[in-house]
C-alpha cells in the first residue's frame, strides 16, 4: 500500500492545508458576508433541483 513516509507526508499535508484554508477563510470573513450574503438561497435551490430530478427519476423508473 503506502510506505510510512508517504503516510506521514499525507497527514502533515492535510494538517497544514486545513490550517491554511482556515486562516484564509477567517481573513476574508467580512468580504464573504458582504458579497455572498444570499448564497444560502442558491444552495437551497440547487439541492431542491437535484432532489426534484432524483424524485422524477425514481417515480418514472
N, C-alpha and C. Protein backbone atom coordinates (compact mmCIF):
# COMPACT_ATOMS: atom_id res chain seq x y z
N UNK A 1 0.84 -1.19 0.00
CA UNK A 1 0.00 0.00 0.00
C UNK A 1 0.88 1.25 0.00
N UNK A 2 0.90 1.95 1.13
CA UNK A 2 1.69 3.16 1.25
C UNK A 2 2.85 2.93 2.19
N UNK A 3 3.96 3.60 1.91
CA UNK A 3 5.08 3.50 2.84
C UNK A 3 4.83 4.42 4.03
N UNK A 4 5.64 4.24 5.06
CA UNK A 4 5.47 5.05 6.27
C UNK A 4 5.72 6.54 5.96
N UNK A 5 6.68 6.81 5.09
CA UNK A 5 6.97 8.20 4.71
C UNK A 5 5.82 8.85 3.97
N UNK A 6 5.16 8.08 3.10
CA UNK A 6 4.02 8.62 2.36
C UNK A 6 2.85 8.92 3.29
N UNK A 7 2.63 8.07 4.26
CA UNK A 7 1.54 8.31 5.22
C UNK A 7 1.83 9.55 6.06
N UNK A 8 3.05 9.69 6.52
CA UNK A 8 3.43 10.88 7.31
C UNK A 8 3.26 12.13 6.47
N UNK A 9 3.73 12.08 5.22
CA UNK A 9 3.58 13.24 4.33
C UNK A 9 2.11 13.58 4.12
N UNK A 10 1.28 12.58 3.89
CA UNK A 10 -0.15 12.83 3.67
C UNK A 10 -0.81 13.46 4.88
N UNK A 11 -0.50 12.97 6.06
CA UNK A 11 -1.10 13.52 7.29
C UNK A 11 -0.63 14.94 7.51
N UNK A 12 0.68 15.19 7.37
CA UNK A 12 1.20 16.55 7.55
C UNK A 12 0.65 17.51 6.50
N UNK A 13 0.55 17.04 5.27
CA UNK A 13 0.00 17.88 4.21
C UNK A 13 -1.44 18.26 4.53
N UNK A 14 -2.26 17.30 4.97
CA UNK A 14 -3.64 17.57 5.32
C UNK A 14 -3.75 18.58 6.45
N UNK A 15 -2.93 18.43 7.48
CA UNK A 15 -2.97 19.34 8.63
C UNK A 15 -2.59 20.75 8.21
N UNK A 16 -1.50 20.89 7.47
CA UNK A 16 -1.06 22.22 7.03
C UNK A 16 -2.08 22.84 6.07
N UNK A 17 -2.63 22.04 5.17
CA UNK A 17 -3.62 22.54 4.23
C UNK A 17 -4.86 23.04 4.96
N UNK A 18 -5.34 22.29 5.97
CA UNK A 18 -6.52 22.70 6.73
C UNK A 18 -6.25 23.99 7.50
N UNK A 19 -5.06 24.14 8.05
CA UNK A 19 -4.71 25.36 8.78
C UNK A 19 -4.70 26.55 7.83
N UNK A 20 -4.10 26.39 6.66
CA UNK A 20 -4.04 27.49 5.69
C UNK A 20 -5.44 27.88 5.21
N UNK A 21 -6.28 26.91 4.93
CA UNK A 21 -7.65 27.20 4.49
C UNK A 21 -8.42 27.92 5.59
N UNK A 22 -8.30 27.48 6.84
CA UNK A 22 -9.00 28.12 7.95
C UNK A 22 -8.51 29.55 8.14
N UNK A 23 -7.20 29.77 8.04
CA UNK A 23 -6.65 31.12 8.18
C UNK A 23 -7.15 32.04 7.07
N UNK A 24 -7.17 31.54 5.85
CA UNK A 24 -7.62 32.36 4.72
C UNK A 24 -9.11 32.68 4.85
N UNK A 25 -9.90 31.71 5.28
CA UNK A 25 -11.33 31.96 5.45
C UNK A 25 -11.58 33.01 6.53
N UNK A 26 -10.87 32.91 7.65
CA UNK A 26 -11.05 33.89 8.72
C UNK A 26 -10.62 35.29 8.26
N UNK A 27 -9.59 35.35 7.42
CA UNK A 27 -9.11 36.63 6.93
C UNK A 27 -10.14 37.30 6.02
N UNK A 28 -10.84 36.52 5.22
CA UNK A 28 -11.80 37.05 4.25
C UNK A 28 -13.24 37.00 4.73
N UNK A 29 -13.47 36.78 6.01
CA UNK A 29 -14.82 36.58 6.52
C UNK A 29 -15.71 37.80 6.27
N UNK A 30 -15.20 39.01 6.47
CA UNK A 30 -16.01 40.22 6.25
C UNK A 30 -16.40 40.37 4.78
N UNK A 31 -15.48 40.06 3.89
CA UNK A 31 -15.82 40.13 2.46
C UNK A 31 -16.86 39.09 2.09
N UNK A 32 -16.78 37.91 2.68
CA UNK A 32 -17.77 36.87 2.40
C UNK A 32 -19.16 37.32 2.85
N UNK A 33 -19.25 37.95 4.00
CA UNK A 33 -20.55 38.41 4.49
C UNK A 33 -21.14 39.47 3.56
N UNK A 34 -20.30 40.34 3.03
CA UNK A 34 -20.80 41.43 2.19
C UNK A 34 -21.20 40.94 0.80
N UNK A 35 -20.37 40.16 0.15
CA UNK A 35 -20.59 39.81 -1.24
C UNK A 35 -21.38 38.53 -1.45
N UNK A 36 -21.41 37.64 -0.47
CA UNK A 36 -22.09 36.37 -0.64
C UNK A 36 -23.20 36.19 0.38
N UNK A 37 -23.95 37.25 0.64
CA UNK A 37 -24.98 37.18 1.67
C UNK A 37 -26.16 36.31 1.28
N UNK A 38 -26.50 36.21 0.01
CA UNK A 38 -27.65 35.43 -0.42
C UNK A 38 -27.30 34.06 -0.96
N UNK A 39 -26.11 33.60 -0.69
CA UNK A 39 -25.67 32.34 -1.30
C UNK A 39 -26.38 31.13 -0.70
N UNK A 40 -26.93 31.23 0.50
CA UNK A 40 -27.66 30.11 1.08
C UNK A 40 -28.90 29.77 0.27
N UNK A 41 -29.57 30.78 -0.25
CA UNK A 41 -30.76 30.53 -1.06
C UNK A 41 -30.40 29.80 -2.35
N UNK A 42 -29.25 30.15 -2.92
CA UNK A 42 -28.80 29.46 -4.13
C UNK A 42 -28.47 28.00 -3.82
N UNK A 43 -27.86 27.75 -2.67
CA UNK A 43 -27.57 26.37 -2.26
C UNK A 43 -28.85 25.58 -2.05
N UNK A 44 -29.83 26.18 -1.39
CA UNK A 44 -31.11 25.50 -1.16
C UNK A 44 -31.81 25.21 -2.49
N UNK A 45 -31.77 26.17 -3.42
CA UNK A 45 -32.39 25.96 -4.73
C UNK A 45 -31.68 24.84 -5.50
N UNK A 46 -30.38 24.79 -5.43
CA UNK A 46 -29.62 23.75 -6.12
C UNK A 46 -29.93 22.37 -5.55
N UNK A 47 -29.95 22.26 -4.23
CA UNK A 47 -30.27 20.98 -3.59
C UNK A 47 -31.71 20.57 -3.92
N UNK A 48 -32.62 21.53 -3.93
CA UNK A 48 -34.00 21.24 -4.29
C UNK A 48 -34.12 20.76 -5.73
N UNK A 49 -33.37 21.37 -6.63
CA UNK A 49 -33.39 20.97 -8.03
C UNK A 49 -32.87 19.54 -8.19
N UNK A 50 -31.79 19.21 -7.54
CA UNK A 50 -31.24 17.85 -7.60
C UNK A 50 -32.23 16.86 -6.99
N UNK A 51 -32.89 17.23 -5.89
CA UNK A 51 -33.89 16.35 -5.28
C UNK A 51 -35.08 16.15 -6.23
N UNK A 52 -35.48 17.19 -6.92
CA UNK A 52 -36.58 17.08 -7.88
C UNK A 52 -36.22 16.14 -9.03
N UNK A 53 -35.03 16.29 -9.56
CA UNK A 53 -34.59 15.39 -10.63
C UNK A 53 -34.54 13.95 -10.14
N UNK A 54 -34.03 13.74 -8.92
CA UNK A 54 -33.97 12.37 -8.37
C UNK A 54 -35.37 11.80 -8.15
N UNK A 55 -36.30 12.63 -7.68
CA UNK A 55 -37.66 12.17 -7.47
C UNK A 55 -38.34 11.79 -8.77
N UNK A 56 -38.14 12.60 -9.80
CA UNK A 56 -38.72 12.29 -11.11
C UNK A 56 -38.15 10.98 -11.65
N UNK A 57 -36.83 10.81 -11.50
CA UNK A 57 -36.22 9.57 -11.96
C UNK A 57 -36.75 8.38 -11.17
N UNK A 58 -36.93 8.53 -9.87
CA UNK A 58 -37.41 7.44 -9.03
C UNK A 58 -38.84 7.06 -9.39
N UNK A 59 -39.72 8.05 -9.61
CA UNK A 59 -41.13 7.75 -9.87
C UNK A 59 -41.39 7.22 -11.28
N UNK A 60 -40.59 7.60 -12.24
CA UNK A 60 -40.82 7.18 -13.63
C UNK A 60 -39.91 6.03 -14.04
N UNK A 61 -39.29 5.37 -13.10
CA UNK A 61 -38.40 4.26 -13.44
C UNK A 61 -39.15 2.97 -13.60
